[in-house]
Amino acid sequence: MDTPKSSPTQLTITTAAQAAIQQVIDGQQVPDGYQLRVGVRSQGMACAGMSFMLGFDQKKEQDMEIEVAGLQVLVDRRHSMYVLGMEIDWHEDERQRGFVFNNPSARKT
């Protein structure tokens, strides 16, 4: 079954994050057939929340495939409600550097 591709406006990757992702692709020599995966994982047993993750993986049956900024991005359908609408950015200063996940629809508790 062919998975329909979603609109690129459902997930945003900033120019800075695109450059950082490309550095990982080049530096880690990501194999052909692997795509960027955006997902979530639980931060504990007791509803402690979720953290976002990035990685490279091959497409699985339950995945949505979204084209964002020229990248094919994989999102597990179970994670789509947490991921879609999010912006992935890259932050770097003298103390820290890394990807930042901004989700304007996330509720604060």
PDB file of N, CA and C in Angstrom:
ATOM      1  N   MET A   1       0.847  -1.180   0.000  1.00  0.00           N
ATOM      2  CA  MET A   1       0.000   0.000   0.000  1.00  0.00           C
ATOM      3  C   MET A   1       0.887   1.235   0.000  1.00  0.00           C
ATOM      4  N   ASP A   2       0.638   2.139  -0.874  1.00  0.00           N
ATOM      5  CA  ASP A   2       1.437   3.356  -0.999  1.00  0.00           C
ATOM      6  C   ASP A   2       0.947   4.393   0.005  1.00  0.00           C
ATOM      7  N   THR A   3       1.874   4.998   0.712  1.00  0.00           N
ATOM      8  CA  THR A   3       1.523   6.005   1.709  1.00  0.00           C
ATOM      9  C   THR A   3       1.480   7.370   1.051  1.00  0.00           C
ATOM     10  N   PRO A   4       0.369   8.109   1.176  1.00  0.00           N
ATOM     11  CA  PRO A   4       0.325   9.449   0.600  1.00  0.00           C
ATOM     12  C   PRO A   4       1.290  10.374   1.324  1.00  0.00           C
ATOM     13  N   LYS A   5       1.891  11.272   0.589  1.00  0.00           N
ATOM     14  CA  LYS A   5       2.809  12.232   1.189  1.00  0.00           C
ATOM     15  C   LYS A   5       2.028  13.421   1.707  1.00  0.00           C
ATOM     16  N   SER A   6       2.461  13.914   2.852  1.00  0.00           N
ATOM     17  CA  SER A   6       1.786  15.043   3.469  1.00  0.00           C
ATOM     18  C   SER A   6       2.392  16.351   2.992  1.00  0.00           C
ATOM     19  N   SER A   7       1.706  17.406   3.278  1.00  0.00           N
ATOM     20  CA  SER A   7       2.169  18.734   2.923  1.00  0.00           C
ATOM     21  C   SER A   7       3.397  19.104   3.733  1.00  0.00           C
ATOM     22  N   PRO A   8       4.404  19.747   3.124  1.00  0.00           N
ATOM     23  CA  PRO A   8       5.599  20.121   3.862  1.00  0.00           C
ATOM     24  C   PRO A   8       5.343  21.138   4.967  1.00  0.00           C
ATOM     25  N   THR A   9       4.194  21.799   4.960  1.00  0.00           N
ATOM     26  CA  THR A   9       3.913  22.788   5.995  1.00  0.00           C
ATOM     27  C   THR A   9       3.564  22.138   7.327  1.00  0.00           C
ATOM     28  N   GLN A  10       3.410  20.829   7.368  1.00  0.00           N
ATOM     29  CA  GLN A  10       3.058  20.150   8.609  1.00  0.00           C
ATOM     30  C   GLN A  10       4.243  19.984   9.550  1.00  0.00           C
ATOM     31  N   LEU A  11       5.444  20.179   9.073  1.00  0.00           N
ATOM     32  CA  LEU A  11       6.658  20.077   9.862  1.00  0.00           C
ATOM     33  C   LEU A  11       7.651  21.048   9.243  1.00  0.00           C
ATOM     34  N   THR A  12       8.332  21.817  10.077  1.00  0.00           N
ATOM     35  CA  THR A  12       9.272  22.813   9.577  1.00  0.00           C
ATOM     36  C   THR A  12      10.669  22.494  10.079  1.00  0.00           C
ATOM     37  N   ILE A  13      11.640  22.598   9.190  1.00  0.00           N
ATOM     38  CA  ILE A  13      13.050  22.448   9.563  1.00  0.00           C
ATOM     39  C   ILE A  13      13.737  23.741   9.148  1.00  0.00           C
ATOM     40  N   THR A  14      14.286  24.456  10.126  1.00  0.00           N
ATOM     41  CA  THR A  14      14.922  25.738   9.819  1.00  0.00           C
ATOM     42  C   THR A  14      16.188  25.524   8.997  1.00  0.00           C
ATOM     43  N   THR A  15      16.667  26.609   8.407  1.00  0.00           N
ATOM     44  CA  THR A  15      17.891  26.550   7.613  1.00  0.00           C
ATOM     45  C   THR A  15      19.075  26.073   8.458  1.00  0.00           C
ATOM     46  N   ALA A  16      19.169  26.547   9.695  1.00  0.00           N
ATOM     47  CA  ALA A  16      20.261  26.125  10.585  1.00  0.00           C
ATOM     48  C   ALA A  16      20.175  24.627  10.883  1.00  0.00           C
ATOM     49  N   ALA A  17      18.968  24.123  11.115  1.00  0.00           N
ATOM     50  CA  ALA A  17      18.795  22.693  11.377  1.00  0.00           C
ATOM     51  C   ALA A  17      19.085  21.870  10.122  1.00  0.00           C
ATOM     52  N   GLN A  18      18.694  22.389   8.958  1.00  0.00           N
ATOM     53  CA  GLN A  18      18.998  21.692   7.707  1.00  0.00           C
ATOM     54  C   GLN A  18      20.504  21.518   7.535  1.00  0.00           C
ATOM     55  N   ALA A  19      21.256  22.562   7.829  1.00  0.00           N
ATOM     56  CA  ALA A  19      22.718  22.500   7.706  1.00  0.00           C
ATOM     57  C   ALA A  19      23.298  21.489   8.692  1.00  0.00           C
ATOM     58  N   ALA A  20      22.797  21.468   9.916  1.00  0.00           N
ATOM     59  CA  ALA A  20      23.289  20.521  10.928  1.00  0.00           C
ATOM     60  C   ALA A  20      22.944  19.079  10.533  1.00  0.00           C
ATOM     61  N   ILE A  21      21.762  18.859   9.994  1.00  0.00           N
ATOM     62  CA  ILE A  21      21.367  17.529   9.537  1.00  0.00           C
ATOM     63  C   ILE A  21      22.267  17.084   8.392  1.00  0.00           C
ATOM     64  N   GLN A  22      22.547  17.992   7.468  1.00  0.00           N
ATOM     65  CA  GLN A  22      23.415  17.654   6.341  1.00  0.00           C
ATOM     66  C   GLN A  22      24.824  17.313   6.821  1.00  0.00           C
ATOM     67  N   GLN A  23      25.310  18.001   7.847  1.00  0.00           N
ATOM     68  CA  GLN A  23      26.624  17.671   8.415  1.00  0.00           C
ATOM     69  C   GLN A  23      26.625  16.263   8.995  1.00  0.00           C
ATOM     70  N   VAL A  24      25.542  15.878   9.646  1.00  0.00           N
ATOM     71  CA  VAL A  24      25.433  14.516  10.191  1.00  0.00           C
ATOM     72  C   VAL A  24      25.408  13.502   9.052  1.00  0.00           C
ATOM     73  N   ILE A  25      24.615  13.776   8.032  1.00  0.00           N
ATOM     74  CA  ILE A  25      24.529  12.864   6.885  1.00  0.00           C
ATOM     75  C   ILE A  25      25.906  12.664   6.270  1.00  0.00           C
ATOM     76  N   ASP A  26      26.628  13.761   6.044  1.00  0.00           N
ATOM     77  CA  ASP A  26      27.954  13.675   5.436  1.00  0.00           C
ATOM     78  C   ASP A  26      28.978  13.050   6.375  1.00  0.00           C
ATOM     79  N   GLY A  27      28.972  13.465   7.638  1.00  0.00           N
ATOM     80  CA  GLY A  27      29.965  12.998   8.603  1.00  0.00           C
ATOM     81  C   GLY A  27      29.782  11.558   9.021  1.00  0.00           C
ATOM     82  N   GLN A  28      28.540  11.106   9.110  1.00  0.00           N
ATOM     83  CA  GLN A  28      28.257   9.736   9.541  1.00  0.00           C
ATOM     84  C   GLN A  28      28.070   8.782   8.364  1.00  0.00           C
ATOM     85  N   GLN A  29      28.165   9.316   7.171  1.00  0.00           N
ATOM     86  CA  GLN A  29      27.994   8.528   5.950  1.00  0.00           C
ATOM     87  C   GLN A  29      26.725   7.669   6.020  1.00  0.00           C
ATOM     88  N   VAL A  30      25.603   8.345   6.182  1.00  0.00           N
ATOM     89  CA  VAL A  30      24.305   7.673   6.263  1.00  0.00           C
ATOM     90  C   VAL A  30      24.091   6.890   4.965  1.00  0.00           C
ATOM     91  N   PRO A  31      23.781   5.596   5.073  1.00  0.00           N
ATOM     92  CA  PRO A  31      23.633   4.765   3.867  1.00  0.00           C
ATOM     93  C   PRO A  31      22.453   5.175   2.992  1.00  0.00           C
ATOM     94  N   ASP A  32      22.554   4.877   1.712  1.00  0.00           N
ATOM     95  CA  ASP A  32      21.435   5.092   0.793  1.00  0.00           C
ATOM     96  C   ASP A  32      20.239   4.299   1.298  1.00  0.00           C
ATOM     97  N   GLY A  33      19.057   4.835   1.088  1.00  0.00           N
ATOM     98  CA  GLY A  33      17.850   4.156   1.522  1.00  0.00           C
ATOM     99  C   GLY A  33      17.425   4.526   2.933  1.00  0.00           C
ATOM    100  N   TYR A  34      18.276   5.260   3.647  1.00  0.00           N
ATOM    101  CA  TYR A  34      17.920   5.720   4.989  1.00  0.00           C
ATOM    102  C   TYR A  34      17.436   7.156   4.896  1.00  0.00           C
ATOM    103  N   GLN A  35      16.438   7.473   5.713  1.00  0.00           N
ATOM    104  CA  GLN A  35      15.850   8.803   5.716  1.00  0.00           C
ATOM    105  C   GLN A  35      15.832   9.342   7.138  1.00  0.00           C
ATOM    106  N   LEU A  36      15.653  10.634   7.240  1.00  0.00           N
ATOM    107  CA  LEU A  36      15.554  11.272   8.546  1.00  0.00           C
ATOM    108  C   LEU A  36      14.268  10.815   9.224  1.00  0.00           C
ATOM    109  N   ARG A  37      14.380  10.373  10.474  1.00  0.00           N
ATOM    110  CA  ARG A  37      13.207   9.979  11.258  1.00  0.00           C
ATOM    111  C   ARG A  37      13.037  10.979  12.392  1.00  0.00           C
ATOM    112  N   VAL A  38      11.803  11.479  12.546  1.00  0.00           N
ATOM    113  CA  VAL A  38      11.451  12.359  13.655  1.00  0.00           C
ATOM    114  C   VAL A  38      10.406  11.613  14.475  1.00  0.00           C
ATOM    115  N   GLY A  39      10.640  11.552  15.778  1.00  0.00           N
ATOM    116  CA  GLY A  39       9.707  10.813  16.618  1.00  0.00           C
ATOM    117  C   GLY A  39       9.726  11.307  18.051  1.00  0.00           C
ATOM    118  N   VAL A  40       9.049  10.571  18.897  1.00  0.00           N
ATOM    119  CA  VAL A  40       8.994  10.874  20.321  1.00  0.00           C
ATOM    120  C   VAL A  40       9.282   9.604  21.103  1.00  0.00           C
ATOM    121  N   ARG A  41       9.720   9.787  22.327  1.00  0.00           N
ATOM    122  CA  ARG A  41       9.861   8.650  23.226  1.00  0.00           C
ATOM    123  C   ARG A  41       9.465   9.099  24.614  1.00  0.00           C
ATOM    124  N   SER A  42       8.948   8.168  25.359  1.00  0.00           N
ATOM    125  CA  SER A  42       8.491   8.444  26.715  1.00  0.00           C
ATOM    126  C   SER A  42       9.694   8.688  27.611  1.00  0.00           C
ATOM    127  N   GLN A  43       9.542   9.602  28.556  1.00  0.00           N
ATOM    128  CA  GLN A  43      10.634   9.916  29.474  1.00  0.00           C
ATOM    129  C   GLN A  43      10.453   9.246  30.822  1.00  0.00           C
ATOM    130  N   GLY A  44       9.717   8.189  30.887  1.00  0.00           N
ATOM    131  CA  GLY A  44       9.562   7.500  32.152  1.00  0.00           C
ATOM    132  C   GLY A  44       8.265   6.731  32.222  1.00  0.00           C
ATOM    133  N   MET A  45       8.117   6.019  33.309  1.00  0.00           N
ATOM    134  CA  MET A  45       6.956   5.158  33.479  1.00  0.00           C
ATOM    135  C   MET A  45       5.704   5.961  33.833  1.00  0.00           C
ATOM    136  N   ALA A  46       5.851   6.975  34.634  1.00  0.00           N
ATOM    137  CA  ALA A  46       4.683   7.699  35.148  1.00  0.00           C
ATOM    138  C   ALA A  46       4.482   9.005  34.401  1.00  0.00           C
ATOM    139  N   CYS A  47       3.846   8.996  33.317  1.00  0.00           N
ATOM    140  CA  CYS A  47       3.415  10.190  32.582  1.00  0.00           C
ATOM    141  C   CYS A  47       4.334  11.392  32.776  1.00  0.00           C
ATOM    142  N   ALA A  48       5.621  11.157  32.703  1.00  0.00           N
ATOM    143  CA  ALA A  48       6.587  12.230  32.916  1.00  0.00           C
ATOM    144  C   ALA A  48       6.759  13.088  31.677  1.00  0.00           C
ATOM    145  N   GLY A  49       6.145  12.712  30.605  1.00  0.00           N
ATOM    146  CA  GLY A  49       6.247  13.496  29.389  1.00  0.00           C
ATOM    147  C   GLY A  49       6.969  12.756  28.291  1.00  0.00           C
ATOM    148  N   MET A  50       7.244  13.472  27.235  1.00  0.00           N
ATOM    149  CA  MET A  50       7.888  12.881  26.074  1.00  0.00           C
ATOM    150  C   MET A  50       9.054  13.751  25.656  1.00  0.00           C
ATOM    151  N   SER A  51      10.021  13.127  25.005  1.00  0.00           N
ATOM    152  CA  SER A  51      11.110  13.888  24.411  1.00  0.00           C
ATOM    153  C   SER A  51      11.134  13.566  22.919  1.00  0.00           C
ATOM    154  N   PHE A  52      11.560  14.551  22.141  1.00  0.00           N
ATOM    155  CA  PHE A  52      11.633  14.375  20.700  1.00  0.00           C
ATOM    156  C   PHE A  52      12.976  13.775  20.330  1.00  0.00           C
ATOM    157  N   MET A  53      13.007  13.055  19.212  1.00  0.00           N
ATOM    158  CA  MET A  53      14.244  12.436  18.763  1.00  0.00           C
ATOM    159  C   MET A  53      14.378  12.548  17.255  1.00  0.00           C
ATOM    160  N   LEU A  54      15.629  12.555  16.824  1.00  0.00           N
ATOM    161  CA  LEU A  54      15.971  12.527  15.407  1.00  0.00           C
ATOM    162  C   LEU A  54      16.903  11.342  15.183  1.00  0.00           C
ATOM    163  N   GLY A  55      16.809  10.743  14.021  1.00  0.00           N
ATOM    164  CA  GLY A  55      17.709   9.656  13.665  1.00  0.00           C
ATOM    165  C   GLY A  55      17.561   9.351  12.192  1.00  0.00           C
ATOM    166  N   PHE A  56      18.225   8.312  11.752  1.00  0.00           N
ATOM    167  CA  PHE A  56      18.132   7.887  10.359  1.00  0.00           C
ATOM    168  C   PHE A  56      17.702   6.431  10.351  1.00  0.00           C
ATOM    169  N   ASP A  57      16.758   6.117   9.468  1.00  0.00           N
ATOM    170  CA  ASP A  57      16.159   4.791   9.479  1.00  0.00           C
ATOM    171  C   ASP A  57      15.597   4.504   8.095  1.00  0.00           C
ATOM    172  N   GLN A  58      15.250   3.249   7.880  1.00  0.00           N
ATOM    173  CA  GLN A  58      14.545   2.868   6.667  1.00  0.00           C
ATOM    174  C   GLN A  58      13.050   2.930   6.936  1.00  0.00           C
ATOM    175  N   LYS A  59      12.297   3.164   5.879  1.00  0.00           N
ATOM    176  CA  LYS A  59      10.847   3.300   6.004  1.00  0.00           C
ATOM    177  C   LYS A  59      10.225   1.987   6.445  1.00  0.00           C
ATOM    178  N   LYS A  60       9.273   2.107   7.373  1.00  0.00           N
ATOM    179  CA  LYS A  60       8.514   0.966   7.871  1.00  0.00           C
ATOM    180  C   LYS A  60       7.051   1.127   7.453  1.00  0.00           C
ATOM    181  N   GLU A  61       6.304   0.055   7.535  1.00  0.00           N
ATOM    182  CA  GLU A  61       4.918   0.056   7.065  1.00  0.00           C
ATOM    183  C   GLU A  61       4.063   1.117   7.748  1.00  0.00           C
ATOM    184  N   GLN A  62       4.286   1.364   9.034  1.00  0.00           N
ATOM    185  CA  GLN A  62       3.448   2.299   9.789  1.00  0.00           C
ATOM    186  C   GLN A  62       3.879   3.763   9.638  1.00  0.00           C
ATOM    187  N   ASP A  63       4.886   4.028   8.813  1.00  0.00           N
ATOM    188  CA  ASP A  63       5.420   5.379   8.673  1.00  0.00           C
ATOM    189  C   ASP A  63       4.660   6.227   7.674  1.00  0.00           C
ATOM    190  N   MET A  64       4.583   7.516   8.004  1.00  0.00           N
ATOM    191  CA  MET A  64       4.189   8.544   7.052  1.00  0.00           C
ATOM    192  C   MET A  64       5.499   9.073   6.473  1.00  0.00           C
ATOM    193  N   GLU A  65       5.481   9.470   5.226  1.00  0.00           N
ATOM    194  CA  GLU A  65       6.653  10.062   4.591  1.00  0.00           C
ATOM    195  C   GLU A  65       6.288  11.486   4.203  1.00  0.00           C
ATOM    196  N   ILE A  66       7.064  12.438   4.715  1.00  0.00           N
ATOM    197  CA  ILE A  66       6.782  13.850   4.491  1.00  0.00           C
ATOM    198  C   ILE A  66       8.023  14.476   3.868  1.00  0.00           C
ATOM    199  N   GLU A  67       7.839  15.263   2.837  1.00  0.00           N
ATOM    200  CA  GLU A  67       8.969  15.991   2.268  1.00  0.00           C
ATOM    201  C   GLU A  67       9.052  17.355   2.939  1.00  0.00           C
ATOM    202  N   VAL A  68      10.190  17.612   3.567  1.00  0.00           N
ATOM    203  CA  VAL A  68      10.402  18.876   4.275  1.00  0.00           C
ATOM    204  C   VAL A  68      11.771  19.405   3.888  1.00  0.00           C
ATOM    205  N   ALA A  69      11.803  20.595   3.336  1.00  0.00           N
ATOM    206  CA  ALA A  69      13.056  21.263   2.983  1.00  0.00           C
ATOM    207  C   ALA A  69      13.951  20.370   2.127  1.00  0.00           C
ATOM    208  N   GLY A  70      13.349  19.627   1.220  1.00  0.00           N
ATOM    209  CA  GLY A  70      14.111  18.764   0.332  1.00  0.00           C
ATOM    210  C   GLY A  70      14.522  17.437   0.944  1.00  0.00           C
ATOM    211  N   LEU A  71      14.163  17.199   2.191  1.00  0.00           N
ATOM    212  CA  LEU A  71      14.473  15.937   2.865  1.00  0.00           C
ATOM    213  C   LEU A  71      13.226  15.071   2.945  1.00  0.00           C
ATOM    214  N   GLN A  72      13.392  13.776   2.760  1.00  0.00           N
ATOM    215  CA  GLN A  72      12.310  12.840   3.002  1.00  0.00           C
ATOM    216  C   GLN A  72      12.360  12.497   4.490  1.00  0.00           C
ATOM    217  N   VAL A  73      11.285  12.807   5.202  1.00  0.00           N
ATOM    218  CA  VAL A  73      11.225  12.631   6.648  1.00  0.00           C
ATOM    219  C   VAL A  73      10.211  11.542   6.970  1.00  0.00           C
ATOM    220  N   LEU A  74      10.610  10.628   7.848  1.00  0.00           N
ATOM    221  CA  LEU A  74       9.740   9.549   8.288  1.00  0.00           C
ATOM    222  C   LEU A  74       9.151   9.888   9.651  1.00  0.00           C
ATOM    223  N   VAL A  75       7.854   9.657   9.806  1.00  0.00           N
ATOM    224  CA  VAL A  75       7.167   9.846  11.086  1.00  0.00           C
ATOM    225  C   VAL A  75       6.259   8.643  11.292  1.00  0.00           C
ATOM    226  N   ASP A  76       6.446   7.939  12.394  1.00  0.00           N
ATOM    227  CA  ASP A  76       5.551   6.844  12.742  1.00  0.00           C
ATOM    228  C   ASP A  76       4.155   7.446  12.940  1.00  0.00           C
ATOM    229  N   ARG A  77       3.151   6.855  12.355  1.00  0.00           N
ATOM    230  CA  ARG A  77       1.786   7.398  12.454  1.00  0.00           C
ATOM    231  C   ARG A  77       1.356   7.601  13.910  1.00  0.00           C
ATOM    232  N   ARG A  78       1.834   6.751  14.815  1.00  0.00           N
ATOM    233  CA  ARG A  78       1.482   6.889  16.229  1.00  0.00           C
ATOM    234  C   ARG A  78       2.073   8.155  16.839  1.00  0.00           C
ATOM    235  N   HIS A  79       3.137   8.685  16.241  1.00  0.00           N
ATOM    236  CA  HIS A  79       3.797   9.881  16.758  1.00  0.00           C
ATOM    237  C   HIS A  79       3.320  11.160  16.072  1.00  0.00           C
ATOM    238  N   SER A  80       2.543  11.029  15.020  1.00  0.00           N
ATOM    239  CA  SER A  80       2.187  12.193  14.203  1.00  0.00           C
ATOM    240  C   SER A  80       1.495  13.295  14.993  1.00  0.00           C
ATOM    241  N   MET A  81       0.676  12.944  15.965  1.00  0.00           N
ATOM    242  CA  MET A  81      -0.035  13.993  16.718  1.00  0.00           C
ATOM    243  C   MET A  81       0.918  14.835  17.559  1.00  0.00           C
ATOM    244  N   TYR A  82       2.099  14.314  17.871  1.00  0.00           N
ATOM    245  CA  TYR A  82       3.095  15.057  18.644  1.00  0.00           C
ATOM    246  C   TYR A  82       4.078  15.809  17.747  1.00  0.00           C
ATOM    247  N   VAL A  83       4.286  15.295  16.546  1.00  0.00           N
ATOM    248  CA  VAL A  83       5.335  15.815  15.661  1.00  0.00           C
ATOM    249  C   VAL A  83       4.818  16.846  14.658  1.00  0.00           C
ATOM    250  N   LEU A  84       3.659  16.590  14.083  1.00  0.00           N
ATOM    251  CA  LEU A  84       3.167  17.491  13.036  1.00  0.00           C
ATOM    252  C   LEU A  84       2.834  18.856  13.624  1.00  0.00           C
ATOM    253  N   GLY A  85       3.248  19.898  12.931  1.00  0.00           N
ATOM    254  CA  GLY A  85       3.081  21.264  13.407  1.00  0.00           C
ATOM    255  C   GLY A  85       4.314  21.792  14.120  1.00  0.00           C
ATOM    256  N   MET A  86       5.288  20.933  14.318  1.00  0.00           N
ATOM    257  CA  MET A  86       6.492  21.282  15.058  1.00  0.00           C
ATOM    258  C   MET A  86       7.545  21.922  14.136  1.00  0.00           C
ATOM    259  N   GLU A  87       8.396  22.733  14.747  1.00  0.00           N
ATOM    260  CA  GLU A  87       9.550  23.310  14.054  1.00  0.00           C
ATOM    261  C   GLU A  87      10.813  22.718  14.681  1.00  0.00           C
ATOM    262  N   ILE A  88      11.712  22.236  13.824  1.00  0.00           N
ATOM    263  CA  ILE A  88      13.009  21.740  14.278  1.00  0.00           C
ATOM    264  C   ILE A  88      14.035  22.811  13.950  1.00  0.00           C
ATOM    265  N   ASP A  89      14.753  23.243  14.970  1.00  0.00           N
ATOM    266  CA  ASP A  89      15.749  24.299  14.812  1.00  0.00           C
ATOM    267  C   ASP A  89      17.082  23.782  15.359  1.00  0.00           C
ATOM    268  N   TRP A  90      18.136  24.534  15.121  1.00  0.00           N
ATOM    269  CA  TRP A  90      19.469  24.233  15.628  1.00  0.00           C
ATOM    270  C   TRP A  90      19.931  25.434  16.438  1.00  0.00           C
ATOM    271  N   HIS A  91      20.396  25.178  17.646  1.00  0.00           N
ATOM    272  CA  HIS A  91      20.882  26.250  18.515  1.00  0.00           C
ATOM    273  C   HIS A  91      22.322  25.937  18.894  1.00  0.00           C
ATOM    274  N   GLU A  92      23.157  26.976  18.843  1.00  0.00           N
ATOM    275  CA  GLU A  92      24.557  26.792  19.215  1.00  0.00           C
ATOM    276  C   GLU A  92      25.063  28.073  19.859  1.00  0.00           C
ATOM    277  N   ASP A  93      25.671  27.921  21.036  1.00  0.00           N
ATOM    278  CA  ASP A  93      26.351  29.039  21.676  1.00  0.00           C
ATOM    279  C   ASP A  93      27.567  28.482  22.405  1.00  0.00           C
ATOM    280  N   GLU A  94      28.226  29.310  23.207  1.00  0.00           N
ATOM    281  CA  GLU A  94      29.471  28.869  23.853  1.00  0.00           C
ATOM    282  C   GLU A  94      29.254  27.781  24.909  1.00  0.00           C
ATOM    283  N   ARG A  95      28.044  27.590  25.390  1.00  0.00           N
ATOM    284  CA  ARG A  95      27.777  26.597  26.431  1.00  0.00           C
ATOM    285  C   ARG A  95      27.150  25.306  25.930  1.00  0.00           C
ATOM    286  N   GLN A  96      26.371  25.383  24.866  1.00  0.00           N
ATOM    287  CA  GLN A  96      25.673  24.189  24.392  1.00  0.00           C
ATOM    288  C   GLN A  96      25.317  24.305  22.923  1.00  0.00           C
ATOM    289  N   ARG A  97      25.030  23.146  22.339  1.00  0.00           N
ATOM    290  CA  ARG A  97      24.552  23.132  20.965  1.00  0.00           C
ATOM    291  C   ARG A  97      23.687  21.898  20.770  1.00  0.00           C
ATOM    292  N   GLY A  98      22.726  22.028  19.901  1.00  0.00           N
ATOM    293  CA  GLY A  98      21.855  20.894  19.626  1.00  0.00           C
ATOM    294  C   GLY A  98      20.570  21.308  18.941  1.00  0.00           C
ATOM    295  N   PHE A  99      19.790  20.293  18.626  1.00  0.00           N
ATOM    296  CA  PHE A  99      18.510  20.534  17.976  1.00  0.00           C
ATOM    297  C   PHE A  99      17.494  20.987  19.012  1.00  0.00           C
ATOM    298  N   VAL A 100      16.640  21.897  18.586  1.00  0.00           N
ATOM    299  CA  VAL A 100      15.581  22.434  19.436  1.00  0.00           C
ATOM    300  C   VAL A 100      14.260  22.127  18.738  1.00  0.00           C
ATOM    301  N   PHE A 101      13.321  21.586  19.506  1.00  0.00           N
ATOM    302  CA  PHE A 101      12.015  21.217  18.975  1.00  0.00           C
ATOM    303  C   PHE A 101      10.982  22.188  19.520  1.00  0.00           C
ATOM    304  N   ASN A 102      10.454  23.032  18.646  1.00  0.00           N
ATOM    305  CA  ASN A 102       9.450  24.017  19.032  1.00  0.00           C
ATOM    306  C   ASN A 102       8.096  23.547  18.533  1.00  0.00           C
ATOM    307  N   ASN A 103       7.174  23.357  19.463  1.00  0.00           N
ATOM    308  CA  ASN A 103       5.838  22.921  19.090  1.00  0.00           C
ATOM    309  C   ASN A 103       4.824  23.913  19.642  1.00  0.00           C
ATOM    310  N   PRO A 104       4.330  24.801  18.781  1.00  0.00           N
ATOM    311  CA  PRO A 104       3.404  25.832  19.249  1.00  0.00           C
ATOM    312  C   PRO A 104       2.083  25.271  19.772  1.00  0.00           C
ATOM    313  N   SER A 105       1.740  24.046  19.402  1.00  0.00           N
ATOM    314  CA  SER A 105       0.472  23.487  19.861  1.00  0.00           C
ATOM    315  C   SER A 105       0.612  22.667  21.140  1.00  0.00           C
ATOM    316  N   ALA A 106       1.841  22.531  21.653  1.00  0.00           N
ATOM    317  CA  ALA A 106       2.048  21.755  22.887  1.00  0.00           C
ATOM    318  C   ALA A 106       1.487  22.519  24.080  1.00  0.00           C
ATOM    319  N   ARG A 107       0.851  21.782  24.966  1.00  0.00           N
ATOM    320  CA  ARG A 107       0.303  22.397  26.180  1.00  0.00           C
ATOM    321  C   ARG A 107       1.343  22.361  27.272  1.00  0.00           C
ATOM    322  N   LYS A 108       1.421  23.437  28.032  1.00  0.00           N
ATOM    323  CA  LYS A 108       2.326  23.484  29.171  1.00  0.00           C
ATOM    324  C   LYS A 108       1.563  23.024  30.398  1.00  0.00           C
ATOM    325  N   THR A 109       2.268  22.245  31.259  1.00  0.00           N
ATOM    326  CA  THR A 109       1.631  21.764  32.477  1.00  0.00           C
ATOM    327  C   THR A 109       2.360  22.275  33.688  1.00  0.00           C
TER     328      THR A 109
END
